Protein backbone atom coordinates (compact mmCIF):
# COMPACT_ATOMS: atom_id res chain seq x y z
CA LEU A 1 0.00 0.00 0.00
CA PHE A 2 2.88 2.39 0.56
CA SER A 3 3.81 2.53 -3.11
CA LYS A 4 0.20 2.35 -4.32
CA GLN A 5 -1.52 5.56 -5.27
CA ILE A 6 -4.70 5.28 -3.25
CA VAL A 7 -7.38 7.14 -5.14
CA GLY A 8 -11.12 6.82 -5.32
CA ASN A 9 -13.46 4.98 -7.63
CA GLU A 10 -12.33 5.58 -11.22
CA ASN A 11 -15.85 4.75 -12.46
CA SER A 12 -17.42 7.56 -10.48
CA THR A 13 -19.10 10.31 -12.49
CA ILE A 14 -16.79 12.85 -10.90
CA SER A 15 -13.52 10.91 -11.30
CA GLU A 16 -12.47 12.79 -14.47
CA LEU A 17 -12.82 16.14 -12.71
CA ILE A 18 -10.82 14.91 -9.73
CA LYS A 19 -8.13 13.54 -12.09
CA LYS A 20 -7.93 16.95 -13.79
CA LEU A 21 -7.52 18.60 -10.41
CA GLY A 22 -4.73 16.12 -9.78
CA ASN A 23 -5.30 16.05 -6.06
CA SER A 24 -7.88 13.64 -4.74
CA ASP A 25 -6.43 14.15 -1.25
CA TRP A 26 -7.45 17.81 -1.35
CA VAL A 27 -10.97 16.86 -2.47
CA LYS A 28 -11.28 14.25 0.30
CA THR A 29 -10.13 16.74 2.91
CA GLY A 30 -12.58 19.29 1.55
CA LEU A 31 -15.55 17.07 2.36
CA GLN A 32 -15.16 17.88 6.04
CA TYR A 33 -15.81 21.57 5.37
CA LEU A 34 -19.19 20.97 3.80
CA PRO A 35 -22.30 21.29 5.94
CA LYS A 36 -23.40 18.00 7.54
CA GLU A 37 -27.12 18.72 7.25
CA GLU A 38 -29.17 18.50 4.06
CA ILE A 39 -27.64 20.67 1.34
CA GLN A 40 -29.91 23.05 -0.48
CA GLU A 41 -29.37 23.19 -4.22
CA ASN A 42 -26.82 25.80 -5.30
CA ALA A 43 -25.43 26.19 -1.80
CA THR A 44 -22.31 28.29 -1.33
CA CYS A 45 -19.08 26.37 -1.81
CA PRO A 46 -16.80 26.78 1.24
CA PHE A 47 -13.77 27.05 -1.07
CA CYS A 48 -14.72 29.33 -3.95
CA GLN A 49 -17.70 31.02 -2.26
CA GLU A 50 -19.79 30.51 -5.41
CA LYS A 51 -23.24 28.92 -5.43
CA THR A 52 -22.08 25.63 -6.91
CA ILE A 53 -22.69 22.99 -4.27
CA SER A 54 -25.58 20.60 -4.70
CA SER A 55 -26.54 17.43 -2.88
CA SER A 56 -25.89 15.38 -6.05
CA LEU A 57 -22.37 16.85 -6.37
CA ILE A 58 -21.60 15.99 -2.75
CA GLU A 59 -23.02 12.49 -3.21
CA ASN A 60 -20.85 11.98 -6.33
CA ILE A 61 -17.74 13.10 -4.44
CA LYS A 62 -18.57 10.78 -1.53
CA ASN A 63 -19.12 7.90 -3.97
CA TYR A 64 -15.69 8.55 -5.46
CA PHE A 65 -14.15 7.67 -2.10
CA ASP A 66 -15.62 4.17 -2.07
CA ALA A 67 -15.25 1.19 0.26
CA THR A 68 -11.96 0.09 -1.35
CA TYR A 69 -10.46 3.52 -0.71
CA GLU A 70 -11.64 3.51 2.90
CA ALA A 71 -10.42 -0.08 3.41
CA ASP A 72 -6.93 0.87 2.20
CA ILE A 73 -6.85 3.86 4.55
CA ASN A 74 -8.00 1.68 7.45
CA VAL A 75 -5.25 -0.87 6.71
CA LEU A 76 -2.69 1.95 6.83
CA LYS A 77 -4.09 3.26 10.12
CA SER A 78 -4.04 -0.23 11.61
CA PHE A 79 -0.47 -0.75 10.42
CA LEU A 80 0.63 2.53 12.00
CA GLU A 81 -0.94 1.49 15.30
CA LYS A 82 0.74 -1.95 15.23
CA TYR A 83 4.07 -0.44 14.14
CA THR A 84 3.95 2.06 16.99
CA GLN A 85 3.16 -0.69 19.52
CA SER A 86 5.88 -2.96 18.13
CA ILE A 87 8.65 -0.41 18.45
CA LYS A 88 7.55 0.98 21.80
CA SER A 89 9.44 -1.63 23.84
CA ILE A 90 12.51 -1.38 21.62
CA THR A 91 12.71 2.40 21.78
CA SER A 92 12.31 2.42 25.56
CA LYS A 93 15.77 2.28 27.14
CA SER A 94 14.72 1.97 30.79
CA ILE A 95 14.93 -1.83 30.89
CA PHE A 96 18.55 -1.67 29.77
CA GLU A 97 19.57 1.29 31.87
CA ALA A 98 18.35 -0.46 35.02
CA ASN A 99 21.12 -3.05 34.77
CA PRO A 100 24.53 -2.10 36.21
CA LYS A 101 26.31 -3.87 33.33
CA PHE A 102 24.69 -1.39 30.96
CA GLU A 103 27.34 1.22 31.83
CA THR A 104 30.07 -0.82 30.11
CA TYR A 105 28.42 -0.42 26.71
CA LYS A 106 26.33 2.68 27.39
CA LYS A 107 27.99 4.94 24.80
CA ASP A 108 27.83 2.38 21.96
CA PHE A 109 24.30 1.41 22.97
CA GLU A 110 23.17 5.04 22.98
CA ILE A 111 24.58 5.62 19.48
CA LYS A 112 22.95 2.49 18.04
CA HIS A 113 19.70 3.14 19.87
CA ASN A 114 19.52 6.71 18.57
CA VAL A 115 20.13 5.58 14.97
CA PHE A 116 17.40 2.95 15.23
CA THR A 117 14.95 5.30 16.95
CA LYS A 118 15.51 7.99 14.31
CA ILE A 119 14.72 5.54 11.50
CA VAL A 120 11.53 4.21 13.09
CA GLU A 121 10.33 7.71 13.98
CA GLU A 122 10.89 8.80 10.36
CA ASN A 123 8.94 5.74 9.23
CA LYS A 124 6.07 6.61 11.58
CA LYS A 125 5.99 10.07 10.02
CA LEU A 126 6.02 8.59 6.51
CA ILE A 127 3.12 6.29 7.38
CA GLY A 128 1.20 9.25 8.82
CA ASP A 129 1.95 11.23 5.66
CA LYS A 130 0.63 8.35 3.55
CA ILE A 131 -2.60 8.29 5.59
CA ASN A 132 -3.02 12.05 5.13
CA THR A 133 -2.11 12.07 1.42
CA PRO A 134 -2.90 8.56 0.19
CA SER A 135 -2.39 9.37 -3.48
CA VAL A 136 1.34 9.93 -2.89
CA SER A 137 3.52 6.84 -2.71
CA VAL A 138 6.07 6.54 0.08
CA THR A 139 9.03 4.27 0.75
CA LEU A 140 9.83 3.32 4.32
CA LYS A 141 13.44 3.28 5.42
CA SER A 142 14.89 -0.10 6.32
CA SER A 143 15.65 -0.43 10.02
CA THR A 144 17.07 -3.95 9.71
CA ASN A 145 20.77 -3.04 9.94
CA ALA A 146 20.22 -0.53 12.71
CA LEU A 147 18.22 -3.09 14.70
CA GLN A 148 20.88 -5.76 14.16
CA GLU A 149 23.56 -3.39 15.44
CA LEU A 150 21.42 -2.48 18.45
CA ASN A 151 20.80 -6.18 19.13
CA GLU A 152 24.56 -6.78 19.01
CA GLU A 153 25.05 -4.23 21.80
CA ILE A 154 22.29 -5.90 23.79
CA ARG A 155 23.95 -9.28 23.26
CA LYS A 156 27.22 -7.88 24.65
CA ILE A 157 25.42 -6.65 27.76
CA LYS A 158 23.73 -10.05 28.18
CA VAL A 159 27.13 -11.78 27.96
CA LEU A 160 28.43 -9.58 30.80
CA ILE A 161 25.35 -10.36 32.88
CA ALA A 162 25.74 -14.09 32.23
CA LYS A 163 29.41 -13.96 33.25
CA GLN A 164 28.46 -12.13 36.44
CA LYS A 165 25.81 -14.72 37.30
CA LYS A 166 28.29 -17.54 36.60
CA ASN A 167 30.82 -15.98 38.99
CA TYR A 168 28.20 -15.85 41.77
CA ILE A 169 27.21 -19.48 41.37
């Protein structure tokens, strides 16, 4: 979905106009500025202030943003929520800092942790941008190498802890 241009129903009667505008995201956002109650024919447009808004025009615009469009947006929102939850424990340093052996690798850990955190925060922003402007494709940054390097620092700390436990036994 990140590379897909999420646009509305191409078979809608208004799709050609929206294509000419070249910004379905702007049209979708504009729906929130229209009155929620029944529209009287030739109502004033909140954008151009001309008497151009009709209930059939609004219905055609709403039909453009069909169930497939909404489903794609909901998948993106769900992904952002899961992504945020998944990285929460990794980006929290308190569990590591609580261990006295952490001090040995603190500087290296901090550097690796900051690199990883920066990448995932940028990705969260990119996902949010995609939700807000679904017609624009985005490419997430790979966090694999940064996570592997962070895990290597964690492994070093675990080795120190294991050695300490072995000495006490």
